[in-house]
Amino acid sequence: MRAYLQQDYPKLDPDELYQLRCSFLHQGTSSTVKYKRIIFAPPNSSVRVHNNEVDDALILDMPMFTRDVISAVRSWQEKVSGTGNYARNIEMVMRWHRGGFGSYIVGGDVLT
């Protein structure tokens, strides 16, 4: 996180991002230790706000944040792609399988 997103998101340190991830997955909320709520402004919103604090909330432009996270992951991937851990784990990463997956599903695209 620090090496790939911290410059653009100084308000979201690695612990805050991990807390946001847990909040999303386990409680269905968007809170962290520092922020009562993280608000994602949708695409084509009439108001363009990004990386701004308002009281106890942080507002992020959803498309911009998503692009930045994807870019950070790609930068990280370039750095670690030659390591043993990466080589061992990359085959297990979820990906799209066009036309099905083995004998489980045939004919339809699946993510697994």
C-alpha atoms as a PDB file:
ATOM      1  CA  MET A   1       0.000   0.000   0.000  1.00  0.00           C
ATOM      2  CA  ARG A   2       2.595   2.535   1.050  1.00  0.00           C
ATOM      3  CA  ALA A   3       4.651   2.051  -2.091  1.00  0.00           C
ATOM      4  CA  TYR A   4       1.743   2.085  -4.528  1.00  0.00           C
ATOM      5  CA  LEU A   5      -1.124   4.232  -3.208  1.00  0.00           C
ATOM      6  CA  GLN A   6       0.127   6.271  -0.274  1.00  0.00           C
ATOM      7  CA  GLN A   7       1.257   9.236  -2.368  1.00  0.00           C
ATOM      8  CA  ASP A   8      -2.214   9.741  -3.843  1.00  0.00           C
ATOM      9  CA  TYR A   9      -4.145   8.688  -0.725  1.00  0.00           C
ATOM     10  CA  PRO A  10      -2.288   9.992   2.333  1.00  0.00           C
ATOM     11  CA  LYS A  11      -5.528   9.910   4.359  1.00  0.00           C
ATOM     12  CA  LEU A  12      -5.863   6.139   3.835  1.00  0.00           C
ATOM     13  CA  ASP A  13      -2.916   4.358   5.401  1.00  0.00           C
ATOM     14  CA  PRO A  14      -2.615   0.560   5.058  1.00  0.00           C
ATOM     15  CA  ASP A  15      -4.473  -0.052   8.324  1.00  0.00           C
ATOM     16  CA  GLU A  16      -7.376   2.134   7.190  1.00  0.00           C
ATOM     17  CA  LEU A  17      -7.611   0.290   3.870  1.00  0.00           C
ATOM     18  CA  TYR A  18      -7.569  -3.071   5.620  1.00  0.00           C
ATOM     19  CA  GLN A  19     -10.284  -1.881   7.984  1.00  0.00           C
ATOM     20  CA  LEU A  20     -12.343  -0.709   4.990  1.00  0.00           C
ATOM     21  CA  ARG A  21     -11.920  -4.105   3.341  1.00  0.00           C
ATOM     22  CA  CYS A  22     -13.085  -5.877   6.509  1.00  0.00           C
ATOM     23  CA  SER A  23     -15.963  -3.427   6.929  1.00  0.00           C
ATOM     24  CA  PHE A  24     -17.163  -4.140   3.373  1.00  0.00           C
ATOM     25  CA  LEU A  25     -16.838  -7.899   3.563  1.00  0.00           C
ATOM     26  CA  HIS A  26     -17.958  -8.643   7.102  1.00  0.00           C
ATOM     27  CA  GLN A  27     -20.404  -5.911   8.084  1.00  0.00           C
ATOM     28  CA  GLY A  28     -21.549  -4.545   4.727  1.00  0.00           C
ATOM     29  CA  THR A  29     -20.539  -1.057   5.855  1.00  0.00           C
ATOM     30  CA  SER A  30     -17.967   1.508   4.753  1.00  0.00           C
ATOM     31  CA  SER A  31     -16.401   2.601   8.024  1.00  0.00           C
ATOM     32  CA  THR A  32     -12.848   2.543   9.290  1.00  0.00           C
ATOM     33  CA  VAL A  33     -11.141   3.462  12.526  1.00  0.00           C
ATOM     34  CA  LYS A  34     -10.603   7.046  11.366  1.00  0.00           C
ATOM     35  CA  TYR A  35     -13.784   7.563   9.319  1.00  0.00           C
ATOM     36  CA  LYS A  36     -17.360   6.892  10.341  1.00  0.00           C
ATOM     37  CA  ARG A  37     -18.156   6.432   6.674  1.00  0.00           C
ATOM     38  CA  ILE A  38     -16.332   6.342   3.366  1.00  0.00           C
ATOM     39  CA  ILE A  39     -18.583   7.671   0.622  1.00  0.00           C
ATOM     40  CA  PHE A  40     -18.044   6.607  -2.979  1.00  0.00           C
ATOM     41  CA  ALA A  41     -19.290   9.113  -5.551  1.00  0.00           C
ATOM     42  CA  PRO A  42     -20.639   7.146  -8.527  1.00  0.00           C
ATOM     43  CA  PRO A  43     -19.686   7.647 -12.154  1.00  0.00           C
ATOM     44  CA  ASN A  44     -21.504  10.427 -13.975  1.00  0.00           C
ATOM     45  CA  SER A  45     -22.301  12.150 -10.698  1.00  0.00           C
ATOM     46  CA  SER A  46     -23.270  15.791 -10.945  1.00  0.00           C
ATOM     47  CA  VAL A  47     -20.731  16.512  -8.198  1.00  0.00           C
ATOM     48  CA  ARG A  48     -17.065  15.654  -8.711  1.00  0.00           C
ATOM     49  CA  VAL A  49     -15.425  15.182  -5.331  1.00  0.00           C
ATOM     50  CA  HIS A  50     -12.387  13.036  -4.665  1.00  0.00           C
ATOM     51  CA  ASN A  51     -10.248  12.339  -1.640  1.00  0.00           C
ATOM     52  CA  ASN A  52     -11.966  14.998   0.467  1.00  0.00           C
ATOM     53  CA  GLU A  53     -12.838  14.875   4.147  1.00  0.00           C
ATOM     54  CA  VAL A  54     -16.188  16.189   5.324  1.00  0.00           C
ATOM     55  CA  ASP A  55     -16.589  15.977   9.090  1.00  0.00           C
ATOM     56  CA  ASP A  56     -16.071  12.283   9.925  1.00  0.00           C
ATOM     57  CA  ALA A  57     -16.350  10.998   6.343  1.00  0.00           C
ATOM     58  CA  LEU A  58     -13.995  10.584   3.409  1.00  0.00           C
ATOM     59  CA  ILE A  59     -15.433  11.048  -0.079  1.00  0.00           C
ATOM     60  CA  LEU A  60     -13.838   9.208  -2.985  1.00  0.00           C
ATOM     61  CA  ASP A  61     -14.661   9.329  -6.679  1.00  0.00           C
ATOM     62  CA  MET A  62     -15.477   5.673  -7.342  1.00  0.00           C
ATOM     63  CA  PRO A  63     -14.070   5.385 -10.896  1.00  0.00           C
ATOM     64  CA  MET A  64     -10.891   7.278  -9.999  1.00  0.00           C
ATOM     65  CA  PHE A  65     -10.286   5.248  -6.837  1.00  0.00           C
ATOM     66  CA  THR A  66     -10.920   2.005  -8.732  1.00  0.00           C
ATOM     67  CA  ARG A  67      -8.473   2.975 -11.494  1.00  0.00           C
ATOM     68  CA  ASP A  68      -5.850   3.915  -8.909  1.00  0.00           C
ATOM     69  CA  VAL A  69      -6.223   0.624  -7.037  1.00  0.00           C
ATOM     70  CA  ILE A  70      -5.993  -1.377 -10.280  1.00  0.00           C
ATOM     71  CA  SER A  71      -2.897   0.580 -11.263  1.00  0.00           C
ATOM     72  CA  ALA A  72      -1.354  -0.068  -7.838  1.00  0.00           C
ATOM     73  CA  VAL A  73      -2.037  -3.797  -8.129  1.00  0.00           C
ATOM     74  CA  ARG A  74      -0.438  -3.881 -11.576  1.00  0.00           C
ATOM     75  CA  SER A  75       2.644  -2.050 -10.288  1.00  0.00           C
ATOM     76  CA  TRP A  76       2.910  -4.477  -7.369  1.00  0.00           C
ATOM     77  CA  GLN A  77       2.441  -7.397  -9.751  1.00  0.00           C
ATOM     78  CA  GLU A  78       5.283  -6.212 -11.974  1.00  0.00           C
ATOM     79  CA  LYS A  79       7.570  -6.070  -8.969  1.00  0.00           C
ATOM     80  CA  VAL A  80       6.735  -9.490  -7.504  1.00  0.00           C
ATOM     81  CA  SER A  81       5.901 -11.540 -10.606  1.00  0.00           C
ATOM     82  CA  GLY A  82       9.301 -13.264 -10.629  1.00  0.00           C
ATOM     83  CA  THR A  83       9.187 -14.439  -7.023  1.00  0.00           C
ATOM     84  CA  GLY A  84       8.492 -17.959  -5.823  1.00  0.00           C
ATOM     85  CA  ASN A  85       5.461 -16.961  -3.761  1.00  0.00           C
ATOM     86  CA  TYR A  86       3.894 -15.262  -6.750  1.00  0.00           C
ATOM     87  CA  ALA A  87       4.548 -18.238  -9.028  1.00  0.00           C
ATOM     88  CA  ARG A  88       3.029 -20.638  -6.469  1.00  0.00           C
ATOM     89  CA  ASN A  89      -0.098 -18.563  -5.855  1.00  0.00           C
ATOM     90  CA  ILE A  90      -0.961 -16.955  -9.195  1.00  0.00           C
ATOM     91  CA  GLU A  91      -2.518 -20.159 -10.540  1.00  0.00           C
ATOM     92  CA  MET A  92      -5.037 -20.121  -7.674  1.00  0.00           C
ATOM     93  CA  VAL A  93      -6.190 -16.521  -8.248  1.00  0.00           C
ATOM     94  CA  MET A  94      -9.796 -16.139  -9.361  1.00  0.00           C
ATOM     95  CA  ARG A  95     -10.199 -15.488 -13.062  1.00  0.00           C
ATOM     96  CA  TRP A  96     -12.794 -15.643 -15.808  1.00  0.00           C
ATOM     97  CA  HIS A  97     -13.179 -18.938 -17.613  1.00  0.00           C
ATOM     98  CA  ARG A  98     -14.951 -18.500 -20.952  1.00  0.00           C
ATOM     99  CA  GLY A  99     -17.315 -21.299 -21.877  1.00  0.00           C
ATOM    100  CA  GLY A 100     -17.327 -22.910 -18.453  1.00  0.00           C
ATOM    101  CA  PHE A 101     -15.026 -24.553 -15.959  1.00  0.00           C
ATOM    102  CA  GLY A 102     -14.189 -28.224 -16.296  1.00  0.00           C
ATOM    103  CA  SER A 103     -17.144 -30.485 -15.706  1.00  0.00           C
ATOM    104  CA  TYR A 104     -18.723 -28.085 -13.192  1.00  0.00           C
ATOM    105  CA  ILE A 105     -20.273 -25.678 -15.686  1.00  0.00           C
ATOM    106  CA  VAL A 106     -20.216 -26.105 -19.444  1.00  0.00           C
ATOM    107  CA  GLY A 107     -21.224 -23.421 -21.929  1.00  0.00           C
ATOM    108  CA  GLY A 108     -21.419 -20.368 -19.663  1.00  0.00           C
ATOM    109  CA  ASP A 109     -18.714 -18.001 -18.529  1.00  0.00           C
ATOM    110  CA  VAL A 110     -17.767 -18.322 -14.857  1.00  0.00           C
ATOM    111  CA  LEU A 111     -15.522 -16.568 -12.392  1.00  0.00           C
ATOM    112  CA  THR A 112     -13.618 -18.909 -10.140  1.00  0.00           C
END
